[in-house]
C-alpha atoms as a PDB file:
ATOM      1  CA  MET A   1       0.000   0.000   0.000  1.00  0.00           C
ATOM      2  CA  THR A   2       1.188   3.497  -0.828  1.00  0.00           C
ATOM      3  CA  LYS A   3       2.271   5.498   2.205  1.00  0.00           C
ATOM      4  CA  LEU A   4       1.553   9.209   2.031  1.00  0.00           C
ATOM      5  CA  ASN A   5       4.129  11.761   3.184  1.00  0.00           C
ATOM      6  CA  PRO A   6       3.218  12.410   6.862  1.00  0.00           C
ATOM      7  CA  ILE A   7       4.546  15.984   6.733  1.00  0.00           C
ATOM      8  CA  LEU A   8       2.257  16.944   3.858  1.00  0.00           C
ATOM      9  CA  HIS A   9      -0.686  14.768   4.834  1.00  0.00           C
ATOM     10  CA  GLN A  10      -1.638  17.013   7.774  1.00  0.00           C
ATOM     11  CA  GLU A  11      -4.513  19.259   6.647  1.00  0.00           C
ATOM     12  CA  LEU A  12      -3.072  22.690   7.442  1.00  0.00           C
ATOM     13  CA  ARG A  13       0.417  21.892   6.126  1.00  0.00           C
ATOM     14  CA  LEU A  14      -1.156  20.566   2.920  1.00  0.00           C
ATOM     15  CA  SER A  15      -3.178  23.785   2.594  1.00  0.00           C
ATOM     16  CA  ILE A  16      -0.063  25.902   3.071  1.00  0.00           C
ATOM     17  CA  ILE A  17       2.069  24.025   0.566  1.00  0.00           C
ATOM     18  CA  SER A  18      -0.806  23.819  -1.954  1.00  0.00           C
ATOM     19  CA  PHE A  19      -1.144  27.595  -1.892  1.00  0.00           C
ATOM     20  CA  LEU A  20       2.588  28.288  -2.001  1.00  0.00           C
ATOM     21  CA  VAL A  21       3.235  25.986  -4.972  1.00  0.00           C
ATOM     22  CA  ASN A  22       1.514  28.487  -7.275  1.00  0.00           C
ATOM     23  CA  ALA A  23       2.873  31.669  -5.722  1.00  0.00           C
ATOM     24  CA  GLU A  24       6.110  33.550  -5.159  1.00  0.00           C
ATOM     25  CA  TRP A  25       6.651  34.991  -1.691  1.00  0.00           C
ATOM     26  CA  VAL A  26       3.444  35.021   0.386  1.00  0.00           C
ATOM     27  CA  ASP A  27       3.115  36.914   3.639  1.00  0.00           C
ATOM     28  CA  PHE A  28       1.892  35.441   6.898  1.00  0.00           C
ATOM     29  CA  MET A  29      -1.354  37.438   6.947  1.00  0.00           C
ATOM     30  CA  LYS A  30      -2.287  36.157   3.469  1.00  0.00           C
ATOM     31  CA  LEU A  31      -1.716  32.588   4.670  1.00  0.00           C
ATOM     32  CA  ILE A  32      -3.998  33.242   7.651  1.00  0.00           C
ATOM     33  CA  GLU A  33      -6.651  34.542   5.258  1.00  0.00           C
ATOM     34  CA  VAL A  34      -6.318  31.588   2.882  1.00  0.00           C
ATOM     35  CA  THR A  35      -6.104  28.829   5.504  1.00  0.00           C
ATOM     36  CA  GLN A  36      -8.386  30.334   8.161  1.00  0.00           C
ATOM     37  CA  ALA A  37      -5.864  29.092  10.759  1.00  0.00           C
ATOM     38  CA  SER A  38      -4.992  30.782  14.026  1.00  0.00           C
ATOM     39  CA  LYS A  39      -1.693  32.662  14.134  1.00  0.00           C
ATOM     40  CA  GLY A  40      -0.224  30.187  16.613  1.00  0.00           C
ATOM     41  CA  ASN A  41      -1.204  27.065  14.692  1.00  0.00           C
ATOM     42  CA  LEU A  42      -0.069  28.541  11.377  1.00  0.00           C
ATOM     43  CA  SER A  43       3.272  29.499  12.896  1.00  0.00           C
ATOM     44  CA  VAL A  44       3.845  25.963  14.222  1.00  0.00           C
ATOM     45  CA  GLN A  45       2.972  24.354  10.883  1.00  0.00           C
ATOM     46  CA  ILE A  46       5.182  26.784   8.948  1.00  0.00           C
ATOM     47  CA  SER A  47       8.070  25.830  11.254  1.00  0.00           C
ATOM     48  CA  LYS A  48       7.485  22.131  10.558  1.00  0.00           C
ATOM     49  CA  LEU A  49       7.480  22.714   6.801  1.00  0.00           C
ATOM     50  CA  GLN A  50      10.616  24.837   7.111  1.00  0.00           C
ATOM     51  CA  GLU A  51      12.399  22.174   9.206  1.00  0.00           C
ATOM     52  CA  ALA A  52      11.548  19.598   6.531  1.00  0.00           C
ATOM     53  CA  GLY A  53      13.095  21.883   3.898  1.00  0.00           C
ATOM     54  CA  TYR A  54       9.801  22.292   2.023  1.00  0.00           C
ATOM     55  CA  ILE A  55       9.489  26.054   2.456  1.00  0.00           C
ATOM     56  CA  GLU A  56      11.784  29.026   2.948  1.00  0.00           C
ATOM     57  CA  VAL A  57      10.875  31.685   5.501  1.00  0.00           C
ATOM     58  CA  LYS A  58      12.046  35.300   5.376  1.00  0.00           C
ATOM     59  CA  LYS A  59      11.546  37.523   8.427  1.00  0.00           C
ATOM     60  CA  SER A  60      11.881  41.289   8.341  1.00  0.00           C
ATOM     61  CA  PHE A  61      10.183  44.417   9.657  1.00  0.00           C
ATOM     62  CA  LYS A  62       7.672  46.708   7.985  1.00  0.00           C
ATOM     63  CA  GLY A  63       7.888  49.862  10.012  1.00  0.00           C
ATOM     64  CA  ASN A  64       7.916  48.658  13.613  1.00  0.00           C
ATOM     65  CA  TYR A  65       6.041  45.440  12.901  1.00  0.00           C
ATOM     66  CA  PRO A  66       7.458  41.981  12.165  1.00  0.00           C
ATOM     67  CA  HIS A  67       6.810  40.762   8.635  1.00  0.00           C
ATOM     68  CA  THR A  68       7.080  37.073   7.714  1.00  0.00           C
ATOM     69  CA  GLU A  69       7.037  35.759   4.155  1.00  0.00           C
ATOM     70  CA  CYS A  70       7.175  32.183   2.882  1.00  0.00           C
ATOM     71  CA  ARG A  71       7.806  30.442  -0.396  1.00  0.00           C
ATOM     72  CA  VAL A  72       8.030  26.822  -1.449  1.00  0.00           C
ATOM     73  CA  THR A  73      11.474  25.343  -2.160  1.00  0.00           C
ATOM     74  CA  ASP A  74      12.351  23.044  -5.044  1.00  0.00           C
ATOM     75  CA  ALA A  75      12.355  20.154  -2.564  1.00  0.00           C
ATOM     76  CA  GLY A  76       8.895  21.218  -1.408  1.00  0.00           C
ATOM     77  CA  LYS A  77       7.593  21.279  -4.980  1.00  0.00           C
ATOM     78  CA  ASN A  78       9.032  17.823  -5.624  1.00  0.00           C
ATOM     79  CA  GLU A  79       7.547  16.392  -2.432  1.00  0.00           C
ATOM     80  CA  PHE A  80       4.162  17.947  -3.221  1.00  0.00           C
ATOM     81  CA  GLU A  81       4.201  16.451  -6.732  1.00  0.00           C
ATOM     82  CA  ASN A  82       5.173  13.049  -5.287  1.00  0.00           C
ATOM     83  CA  TYR A  83       2.399  13.364  -2.706  1.00  0.00           C
ATOM     84  CA  LEU A  84      -0.167  13.945  -5.472  1.00  0.00           C
ATOM     85  CA  ILE A  85       1.126  10.946  -7.425  1.00  0.00           C
ATOM     86  CA  GLN A  86       0.937   8.746  -4.317  1.00  0.00           C
ATOM     87  CA  LEU A  87      -2.567   9.979  -3.525  1.00  0.00           C
ATOM     88  CA  LYS A  88      -3.746   9.201  -7.060  1.00  0.00           C
ATOM     89  CA  GLN A  89      -2.231   5.714  -6.809  1.00  0.00           C
ATOM     90  CA  LEU A  90      -3.894   5.161  -3.448  1.00  0.00           C
ATOM     91  CA  LEU A  91      -7.257   6.175  -4.931  1.00  0.00           C
ATOM     92  CA  ASN A  92      -6.629   4.106  -8.078  1.00  0.00           C
ATOM     93  CA  LEU A  93      -6.833   7.188 -10.280  1.00  0.00           C
ATOM     94  CA  GLU A  94      -3.759   6.294 -12.342  1.00  0.00           C
END
């Protein structure tokens, strides 16, 4: 049986990576809007994706406020594509 990537199989992480695959740099507030996640939960899941090497995180300041942006890495794109292939195989769609 096909085993799905446990990093990407979690709902919020999958939402994050799915959105980032088709974007350049995306800021934290946009990810909150898109995922409807709490700031704390989103922050934890971004850290997990970053630790896995699937996304890159850039932190800076806009005025006096912290500004966080994320983008998917090549490894993240590859893992996402593999995840979709595995999911299709699991569902007998290929």
